[in-house]
């Protein structure tokens, strides 16, 4: 997936789902780090990340899932419609049925200056928690820019 310099960034992710007693449940992750601490509504995301130069989107989605949750995603991915965020990023997503234990997340980490302008670097997990949500709750929790992805998945699963 070659991109021109200055082209919008492309992210790829997996929207995992499982069958619940009251309908489908969706797996979302909460971003780690001080900016997201204490934020809940519209703060969660599908596990996703940037597609590297010449990387296949589905391969990137699987890689990011494993990096953010500490476990691979199995199963076949059903592509969902690409979604453009308000910031211009294109998000590619695949719907995958699975049932994973997410009580323990082993996410990769990132470094940033913290506190700001302190000159000290601190390390934080990219994802600090993951959870399964019913469709209604997932729509409240997921970042606004990813709601079209979740809405499409809900519609497909109802059909």
N, C-alpha and C. Protein backbone atom coordinates (compact mmCIF):
# COMPACT_ATOMS: atom_id res chain seq x y z
N UNK A 1 0.85 -1.17 0.00
CA UNK A 1 0.00 0.00 0.00
C UNK A 1 0.90 1.23 0.00
N UNK A 2 1.52 1.54 -1.10
CA UNK A 2 2.42 2.68 -1.20
C UNK A 2 1.63 3.98 -1.12
N UNK A 3 2.23 4.95 -0.41
CA UNK A 3 1.58 6.25 -0.25
C UNK A 3 2.53 7.36 -0.68
N UNK A 4 1.95 8.40 -1.19
CA UNK A 4 2.74 9.57 -1.57
C UNK A 4 3.08 10.35 -0.31
N UNK A 5 4.21 11.05 -0.33
CA UNK A 5 4.58 11.91 0.77
C UNK A 5 3.51 12.98 0.92
N UNK A 6 3.09 13.23 2.15
CA UNK A 6 2.06 14.22 2.40
C UNK A 6 0.65 13.66 2.27
N UNK A 7 0.52 12.40 1.86
CA UNK A 7 -0.80 11.78 1.75
C UNK A 7 -1.36 11.56 3.15
N UNK A 8 -2.68 11.49 3.27
CA UNK A 8 -3.28 11.26 4.59
C UNK A 8 -2.78 9.94 5.19
N UNK A 9 -2.65 9.93 6.50
CA UNK A 9 -2.22 8.72 7.18
C UNK A 9 -3.32 7.67 7.12
N UNK A 10 -2.91 6.42 7.08
CA UNK A 10 -3.85 5.30 7.03
C UNK A 10 -3.61 4.42 8.24
N UNK A 11 -4.68 4.15 8.97
CA UNK A 11 -4.63 3.22 10.09
C UNK A 11 -5.43 1.98 9.73
N UNK A 12 -5.07 0.86 10.34
CA UNK A 12 -5.81 -0.38 10.13
C UNK A 12 -6.05 -1.03 11.47
N UNK A 13 -7.25 -1.61 11.62
CA UNK A 13 -7.58 -2.22 12.90
C UNK A 13 -8.57 -3.35 12.76
N UNK A 14 -8.78 -4.01 13.89
CA UNK A 14 -9.70 -5.14 13.97
C UNK A 14 -10.82 -4.78 14.93
N UNK A 15 -12.05 -4.94 14.47
CA UNK A 15 -13.21 -4.85 15.35
C UNK A 15 -13.61 -6.28 15.67
N UNK A 16 -13.16 -6.77 16.82
CA UNK A 16 -13.49 -8.13 17.25
C UNK A 16 -14.88 -8.12 17.88
N UNK A 17 -15.61 -9.21 17.64
CA UNK A 17 -16.93 -9.34 18.25
C UNK A 17 -17.15 -10.78 18.69
N UNK A 18 -18.06 -10.94 19.63
CA UNK A 18 -18.45 -12.27 20.10
C UNK A 18 -19.95 -12.28 20.35
N UNK A 19 -20.50 -13.47 20.38
CA UNK A 19 -21.93 -13.62 20.63
C UNK A 19 -22.19 -13.55 22.14
N UNK A 20 -23.07 -12.63 22.52
CA UNK A 20 -23.46 -12.50 23.92
C UNK A 20 -24.91 -12.94 24.08
N UNK A 21 -25.35 -13.12 25.31
CA UNK A 21 -26.72 -13.55 25.56
C UNK A 21 -27.75 -12.56 25.01
N UNK A 22 -27.42 -11.26 25.07
CA UNK A 22 -28.36 -10.22 24.61
C UNK A 22 -27.99 -9.67 23.23
N UNK A 23 -27.07 -10.33 22.53
CA UNK A 23 -26.66 -9.85 21.21
C UNK A 23 -25.15 -9.73 21.14
N UNK A 24 -24.64 -9.20 20.03
CA UNK A 24 -23.17 -9.13 19.85
C UNK A 24 -22.52 -8.20 20.87
N UNK A 25 -21.29 -8.56 21.23
CA UNK A 25 -20.45 -7.72 22.07
C UNK A 25 -19.20 -7.38 21.27
N UNK A 26 -18.69 -6.17 21.49
CA UNK A 26 -17.56 -5.67 20.72
C UNK A 26 -16.38 -5.37 21.63
N UNK A 27 -15.18 -5.69 21.15
CA UNK A 27 -13.96 -5.47 21.91
C UNK A 27 -13.38 -4.10 21.58
N UNK A 28 -13.23 -3.27 22.60
CA UNK A 28 -12.61 -1.96 22.45
C UNK A 28 -11.46 -1.84 23.43
N UNK A 29 -10.51 -0.98 23.10
CA UNK A 29 -9.36 -0.74 23.96
C UNK A 29 -9.34 0.73 24.40
N UNK A 30 -8.81 0.95 25.60
CA UNK A 30 -8.70 2.30 26.14
C UNK A 30 -7.24 2.74 26.02
N UNK A 31 -6.99 3.90 25.42
CA UNK A 31 -5.61 4.35 25.25
C UNK A 31 -4.94 4.66 26.59
N UNK A 32 -3.67 4.29 26.70
CA UNK A 32 -2.91 4.58 27.90
C UNK A 32 -2.31 5.97 27.84
N UNK A 33 -1.63 6.32 28.90
CA UNK A 33 -0.96 7.62 28.98
C UNK A 33 -1.79 8.63 29.74
N UNK A 34 -1.14 9.70 30.14
CA UNK A 34 -1.79 10.69 31.01
C UNK A 34 -2.93 11.47 30.34
N UNK A 35 -2.87 11.67 29.02
CA UNK A 35 -3.93 12.43 28.36
C UNK A 35 -5.29 11.73 28.50
N UNK A 36 -5.30 10.41 28.38
CA UNK A 36 -6.55 9.65 28.38
C UNK A 36 -6.98 9.18 29.76
N UNK A 37 -6.13 9.33 30.77
CA UNK A 37 -6.47 8.89 32.12
C UNK A 37 -7.75 9.61 32.57
N UNK A 38 -8.70 8.85 33.05
CA UNK A 38 -9.95 9.45 33.54
C UNK A 38 -10.98 9.74 32.46
N UNK A 39 -10.62 9.56 31.19
CA UNK A 39 -11.58 9.79 30.11
C UNK A 39 -12.22 8.45 29.75
N UNK A 40 -13.53 8.46 29.49
CA UNK A 40 -14.23 7.21 29.20
C UNK A 40 -15.13 7.33 27.97
N UNK A 41 -16.13 8.19 28.02
CA UNK A 41 -17.05 8.34 26.89
C UNK A 41 -16.29 8.86 25.68
N UNK A 42 -16.49 8.23 24.54
CA UNK A 42 -15.85 8.60 23.27
C UNK A 42 -14.32 8.57 23.35
N UNK A 43 -13.77 7.77 24.26
CA UNK A 43 -12.32 7.68 24.41
C UNK A 43 -11.77 6.33 23.95
N UNK A 44 -12.60 5.32 23.85
CA UNK A 44 -12.16 3.97 23.50
C UNK A 44 -11.99 3.84 21.99
N UNK A 45 -11.34 2.77 21.56
CA UNK A 45 -11.02 2.60 20.15
C UNK A 45 -11.03 1.12 19.79
N UNK A 46 -11.12 0.85 18.50
CA UNK A 46 -10.79 -0.50 18.05
C UNK A 46 -9.26 -0.60 18.12
N UNK A 47 -8.70 -1.77 18.35
CA UNK A 47 -7.24 -1.90 18.30
C UNK A 47 -6.77 -1.59 16.88
N UNK A 48 -5.97 -0.55 16.73
CA UNK A 48 -5.55 -0.14 15.39
C UNK A 48 -4.25 0.63 15.47
N UNK A 49 -3.66 0.84 14.31
CA UNK A 49 -2.44 1.63 14.24
C UNK A 49 -2.08 1.92 12.80
N UNK A 50 -1.02 2.67 12.62
CA UNK A 50 -0.62 3.11 11.29
C UNK A 50 -0.16 1.96 10.41
N UNK A 51 -0.57 2.02 9.16
CA UNK A 51 -0.12 1.07 8.15
C UNK A 51 1.24 1.57 7.66
N UNK A 52 2.22 0.71 7.70
CA UNK A 52 3.56 1.10 7.26
C UNK A 52 3.64 1.07 5.73
N UNK A 53 4.62 1.79 5.21
CA UNK A 53 4.84 1.86 3.76
C UNK A 53 4.88 0.45 3.16
N UNK A 54 4.12 0.24 2.11
CA UNK A 54 4.06 -1.03 1.38
C UNK A 54 3.53 -2.20 2.22
N UNK A 55 2.84 -1.92 3.33
CA UNK A 55 2.26 -2.97 4.15
C UNK A 55 0.81 -3.19 3.77
N UNK A 56 0.40 -4.44 3.75
CA UNK A 56 -0.99 -4.80 3.49
C UNK A 56 -1.84 -4.37 4.69
N UNK A 57 -3.02 -3.81 4.43
CA UNK A 57 -3.88 -3.33 5.50
C UNK A 57 -4.29 -4.39 6.50
N UNK A 58 -4.68 -5.57 6.01
CA UNK A 58 -5.11 -6.65 6.90
C UNK A 58 -3.93 -7.14 7.75
N UNK A 59 -2.74 -7.19 7.16
CA UNK A 59 -1.54 -7.58 7.91
C UNK A 59 -1.25 -6.54 9.00
N UNK A 60 -1.40 -5.26 8.67
CA UNK A 60 -1.18 -4.19 9.65
C UNK A 60 -2.20 -4.28 10.78
N UNK A 61 -3.45 -4.56 10.43
CA UNK A 61 -4.50 -4.67 11.45
C UNK A 61 -4.19 -5.80 12.43
N UNK A 62 -3.75 -6.95 11.91
CA UNK A 62 -3.41 -8.08 12.78
C UNK A 62 -2.19 -7.76 13.64
N UNK A 63 -1.19 -7.10 13.05
CA UNK A 63 0.01 -6.72 13.81
C UNK A 63 -0.35 -5.78 14.95
N UNK A 64 -1.15 -4.76 14.65
CA UNK A 64 -1.53 -3.79 15.67
C UNK A 64 -2.34 -4.43 16.78
N UNK A 65 -3.23 -5.35 16.42
CA UNK A 65 -4.03 -6.05 17.42
C UNK A 65 -3.11 -6.78 18.40
N UNK A 66 -2.14 -7.50 17.87
CA UNK A 66 -1.21 -8.25 18.72
C UNK A 66 -0.36 -7.30 19.57
N UNK A 67 0.08 -6.18 19.01
CA UNK A 67 0.90 -5.23 19.76
C UNK A 67 0.11 -4.58 20.90
N UNK A 68 -1.15 -4.29 20.66
CA UNK A 68 -1.94 -3.57 21.66
C UNK A 68 -2.55 -4.47 22.73
N UNK A 69 -2.81 -5.73 22.39
CA UNK A 69 -3.44 -6.63 23.36
C UNK A 69 -2.50 -7.71 23.89
N UNK A 70 -1.39 -7.93 23.22
CA UNK A 70 -0.47 -8.95 23.66
C UNK A 70 -0.87 -10.35 23.26
N UNK A 71 -1.82 -10.46 22.34
CA UNK A 71 -2.23 -11.77 21.83
C UNK A 71 -2.70 -11.60 20.39
N UNK A 72 -2.47 -12.62 19.58
CA UNK A 72 -2.86 -12.50 18.16
C UNK A 72 -4.36 -12.63 17.98
N UNK A 73 -4.83 -12.15 16.85
CA UNK A 73 -6.24 -12.32 16.47
C UNK A 73 -6.30 -13.47 15.48
N UNK A 74 -7.17 -14.42 15.75
CA UNK A 74 -7.37 -15.53 14.83
C UNK A 74 -8.62 -15.28 14.02
N UNK A 75 -8.84 -16.10 13.04
CA UNK A 75 -10.06 -15.98 12.24
C UNK A 75 -9.88 -15.14 11.00
N UNK A 76 -10.91 -15.17 10.19
CA UNK A 76 -10.90 -14.41 8.94
C UNK A 76 -11.50 -13.03 9.18
N UNK A 77 -10.88 -12.03 8.58
CA UNK A 77 -11.38 -10.67 8.69
C UNK A 77 -12.34 -10.34 7.57
N UNK A 78 -13.48 -9.78 7.93
CA UNK A 78 -14.46 -9.30 6.95
C UNK A 78 -14.28 -7.79 6.84
N UNK A 79 -13.85 -7.29 5.68
CA UNK A 79 -13.59 -5.85 5.57
C UNK A 79 -14.86 -5.02 5.75
N UNK A 80 -14.70 -3.93 6.47
CA UNK A 80 -15.77 -2.94 6.63
C UNK A 80 -15.41 -1.74 5.77
N UNK A 81 -16.36 -0.86 5.57
CA UNK A 81 -16.11 0.33 4.74
C UNK A 81 -15.05 1.22 5.37
N UNK A 82 -14.09 1.71 4.57
CA UNK A 82 -13.10 2.66 5.11
C UNK A 82 -13.81 3.88 5.69
N UNK A 83 -13.22 4.44 6.72
CA UNK A 83 -13.82 5.57 7.42
C UNK A 83 -12.77 6.67 7.54
N UNK A 84 -13.15 7.89 7.20
CA UNK A 84 -12.22 9.02 7.32
C UNK A 84 -12.56 9.80 8.58
N UNK A 85 -11.56 10.03 9.44
CA UNK A 85 -11.78 10.78 10.67
C UNK A 85 -11.78 12.28 10.38
N UNK A 86 -12.23 13.06 11.36
CA UNK A 86 -12.26 14.52 11.18
C UNK A 86 -10.87 15.09 10.96
N UNK A 87 -9.84 14.41 11.45
CA UNK A 87 -8.46 14.85 11.26
C UNK A 87 -7.88 14.45 9.91
N UNK A 88 -8.67 13.71 9.09
CA UNK A 88 -8.22 13.34 7.76
C UNK A 88 -7.63 11.95 7.64
N UNK A 89 -7.43 11.26 8.77
CA UNK A 89 -6.86 9.92 8.72
C UNK A 89 -7.90 8.94 8.17
N UNK A 90 -7.45 8.02 7.34
CA UNK A 90 -8.30 6.97 6.80
C UNK A 90 -8.14 5.74 7.69
N UNK A 91 -9.26 5.21 8.18
CA UNK A 91 -9.22 4.02 9.03
C UNK A 91 -9.82 2.85 8.27
N UNK A 92 -9.02 1.80 8.12
CA UNK A 92 -9.46 0.55 7.51
C UNK A 92 -9.74 -0.41 8.66
N UNK A 93 -10.86 -1.14 8.59
CA UNK A 93 -11.20 -2.05 9.69
C UNK A 93 -11.74 -3.36 9.15
N UNK A 94 -11.48 -4.41 9.92
CA UNK A 94 -11.97 -5.75 9.60
C UNK A 94 -12.74 -6.27 10.80
N UNK A 95 -13.88 -6.88 10.54
CA UNK A 95 -14.73 -7.48 11.56
C UNK A 95 -14.33 -8.95 11.70
N UNK A 96 -14.06 -9.38 12.95
CA UNK A 96 -13.62 -10.74 13.20
C UNK A 96 -14.37 -11.28 14.42
N UNK A 97 -14.98 -12.45 14.25
CA UNK A 97 -15.63 -13.10 15.39
C UNK A 97 -14.58 -13.89 16.16
N UNK A 98 -14.51 -13.65 17.46
CA UNK A 98 -13.57 -14.33 18.34
C UNK A 98 -14.04 -14.17 19.76
N UNK A 99 -13.47 -14.89 20.67
CA UNK A 99 -13.78 -14.72 22.09
C UNK A 99 -12.48 -14.82 22.86
N UNK A 100 -11.92 -13.69 23.18
CA UNK A 100 -10.63 -13.61 23.86
C UNK A 100 -10.80 -13.16 25.30
N UNK A 101 -9.92 -13.65 26.16
CA UNK A 101 -9.86 -13.16 27.54
C UNK A 101 -9.02 -11.89 27.51
N UNK A 102 -9.62 -10.77 27.86
CA UNK A 102 -8.89 -9.50 27.84
C UNK A 102 -8.71 -8.94 29.24
N UNK A 103 -8.78 -9.83 30.24
CA UNK A 103 -8.61 -9.37 31.62
C UNK A 103 -7.18 -8.88 31.87
N UNK A 104 -6.23 -9.40 31.09
CA UNK A 104 -4.84 -8.94 31.19
C UNK A 104 -4.41 -8.48 29.80
N UNK A 105 -3.99 -7.22 29.71
CA UNK A 105 -3.52 -6.64 28.45
C UNK A 105 -2.02 -6.47 28.53
N UNK A 106 -1.31 -6.93 27.52
CA UNK A 106 0.15 -6.77 27.44
C UNK A 106 0.46 -5.90 26.23
N UNK A 107 0.30 -4.62 26.41
CA UNK A 107 0.46 -3.67 25.31
C UNK A 107 1.90 -3.22 25.16
N UNK A 108 2.23 -2.82 23.91
CA UNK A 108 3.51 -2.17 23.70
C UNK A 108 3.48 -0.82 24.42
N UNK A 109 4.62 -0.17 24.54
CA UNK A 109 4.72 1.08 25.29
C UNK A 109 5.23 2.21 24.40
N UNK A 110 5.01 3.43 24.86
CA UNK A 110 5.55 4.60 24.17
C UNK A 110 6.14 5.53 25.23
N UNK A 111 7.04 6.38 24.78
CA UNK A 111 7.66 7.35 25.68
C UNK A 111 7.25 8.76 25.29
N UNK A 112 7.11 9.60 26.31
CA UNK A 112 6.82 11.01 26.07
C UNK A 112 7.34 11.82 27.26
N UNK A 113 7.53 13.09 27.01
CA UNK A 113 7.96 13.96 28.10
C UNK A 113 6.78 14.13 29.06
N UNK A 114 7.03 13.78 30.35
CA UNK A 114 5.97 13.91 31.35
C UNK A 114 6.58 14.14 32.71
N UNK A 115 6.10 15.12 33.43
CA UNK A 115 5.10 16.11 33.03
C UNK A 115 5.62 17.02 31.92
N UNK A 116 4.69 17.69 31.24
CA UNK A 116 5.10 18.57 30.12
C UNK A 116 6.16 19.59 30.55
N UNK A 117 7.09 19.82 29.66
CA UNK A 117 8.17 20.79 29.84
C UNK A 117 9.05 20.50 31.06
N UNK A 118 9.04 19.24 31.53
CA UNK A 118 9.86 18.87 32.69
C UNK A 118 11.24 18.39 32.28
N UNK A 119 11.37 17.99 30.99
CA UNK A 119 12.63 17.42 30.53
C UNK A 119 12.78 15.95 30.89
N UNK A 120 11.80 15.37 31.57
CA UNK A 120 11.85 13.96 31.96
C UNK A 120 10.98 13.13 31.01
N UNK A 121 11.51 11.99 30.62
CA UNK A 121 10.76 11.07 29.76
C UNK A 121 10.12 10.01 30.64
N UNK A 122 8.88 9.66 30.30
CA UNK A 122 8.17 8.61 31.02
C UNK A 122 7.62 7.62 29.99
N UNK A 123 7.46 6.38 30.42
CA UNK A 123 6.96 5.33 29.55
C UNK A 123 5.54 4.96 29.97
N UNK A 124 4.66 4.78 28.97
CA UNK A 124 3.26 4.45 29.22
C UNK A 124 2.83 3.34 28.27
N UNK A 125 1.86 2.52 28.70
CA UNK A 125 1.33 1.51 27.77
C UNK A 125 0.48 2.20 26.70
N UNK A 126 0.56 1.71 25.48
CA UNK A 126 -0.27 2.27 24.41
C UNK A 126 -1.75 2.03 24.72
N UNK A 127 -2.04 0.88 25.33
CA UNK A 127 -3.40 0.53 25.74
C UNK A 127 -3.34 0.16 27.21
N UNK A 128 -4.21 0.76 28.04
CA UNK A 128 -4.17 0.41 29.46
C UNK A 128 -5.25 -0.59 29.87
N UNK A 129 -6.27 -0.77 29.03
CA UNK A 129 -7.28 -1.79 29.32
C UNK A 129 -8.08 -2.09 28.07
N UNK A 130 -8.71 -3.26 28.09
CA UNK A 130 -9.58 -3.68 26.99
C UNK A 130 -10.82 -4.29 27.62
N UNK A 131 -11.94 -4.17 26.91
CA UNK A 131 -13.18 -4.72 27.46
C UNK A 131 -14.17 -5.02 26.35
N UNK A 132 -15.09 -5.93 26.66
CA UNK A 132 -16.19 -6.26 25.75
C UNK A 132 -17.40 -5.41 26.14
N UNK A 133 -18.09 -4.86 25.12
CA UNK A 133 -19.26 -4.03 25.36
C UNK A 133 -20.40 -4.45 24.44
N UNK A 134 -21.63 -4.34 24.95
CA UNK A 134 -22.78 -4.54 24.07
C UNK A 134 -22.80 -3.39 23.06
N UNK A 135 -23.61 -3.53 22.02
CA UNK A 135 -23.59 -2.56 20.91
C UNK A 135 -23.89 -1.14 21.38
N UNK A 136 -24.91 -0.97 22.19
CA UNK A 136 -25.29 0.38 22.63
C UNK A 136 -24.18 1.04 23.44
N UNK A 137 -23.61 0.30 24.36
CA UNK A 137 -22.52 0.84 25.19
C UNK A 137 -21.29 1.11 24.34
N UNK A 138 -20.98 0.20 23.42
CA UNK A 138 -19.81 0.40 22.55
C UNK A 138 -19.94 1.69 21.75
N UNK A 139 -21.13 1.99 21.26
CA UNK A 139 -21.33 3.23 20.50
C UNK A 139 -21.09 4.47 21.35
N UNK A 140 -21.36 4.39 22.64
CA UNK A 140 -21.10 5.51 23.55
C UNK A 140 -19.61 5.63 23.87
N UNK A 141 -18.94 4.49 23.99
CA UNK A 141 -17.54 4.47 24.42
C UNK A 141 -16.56 4.76 23.29
N UNK A 142 -16.88 4.33 22.07
CA UNK A 142 -15.92 4.43 20.97
C UNK A 142 -15.73 5.89 20.54
N UNK A 143 -14.52 6.18 20.12
CA UNK A 143 -14.20 7.51 19.60
C UNK A 143 -15.16 7.87 18.48
N UNK A 144 -15.61 9.12 18.44
CA UNK A 144 -16.62 9.55 17.47
C UNK A 144 -16.22 9.25 16.03
N UNK A 145 -14.95 9.36 15.71
CA UNK A 145 -14.49 9.12 14.35
C UNK A 145 -14.58 7.66 13.93
N UNK A 146 -14.75 6.75 14.89
CA UNK A 146 -14.86 5.33 14.58
C UNK A 146 -16.29 4.80 14.68
N UNK A 147 -17.23 5.65 15.05
CA UNK A 147 -18.62 5.19 15.17
C UNK A 147 -19.18 4.63 13.87
N UNK A 148 -18.85 5.19 12.68
CA UNK A 148 -19.36 4.58 11.45
C UNK A 148 -18.92 3.12 11.28
N UNK A 149 -17.72 2.79 11.72
CA UNK A 149 -17.23 1.42 11.62
C UNK A 149 -18.09 0.51 12.49
N UNK A 150 -18.32 0.92 13.71
CA UNK A 150 -19.12 0.13 14.64
C UNK A 150 -20.57 0.03 14.17
N UNK A 151 -21.13 1.13 13.69
CA UNK A 151 -22.51 1.12 13.20
C UNK A 151 -22.69 0.16 12.03
N UNK A 152 -21.74 0.15 11.11
CA UNK A 152 -21.81 -0.77 9.98
C UNK A 152 -21.74 -2.22 10.46
N UNK A 153 -20.86 -2.50 11.41
CA UNK A 153 -20.73 -3.85 11.94
C UNK A 153 -22.03 -4.29 12.61
N UNK A 154 -22.64 -3.42 13.38
CA UNK A 154 -23.91 -3.74 14.05
C UNK A 154 -24.98 -4.06 13.01
N UNK A 155 -25.05 -3.25 11.97
CA UNK A 155 -26.03 -3.49 10.89
C UNK A 155 -25.79 -4.82 10.20
N UNK A 156 -24.54 -5.13 9.91
CA UNK A 156 -24.21 -6.40 9.24
C UNK A 156 -24.59 -7.60 10.11
N UNK A 157 -24.35 -7.49 11.40
CA UNK A 157 -24.63 -8.61 12.29
C UNK A 157 -26.13 -8.80 12.52
N UNK A 158 -26.92 -7.74 12.37
CA UNK A 158 -28.37 -7.85 12.51
C UNK A 158 -28.98 -8.49 11.28
N UNK A 159 -28.32 -8.34 10.12
CA UNK A 159 -28.87 -8.84 8.85
C UNK A 159 -28.86 -10.35 8.78
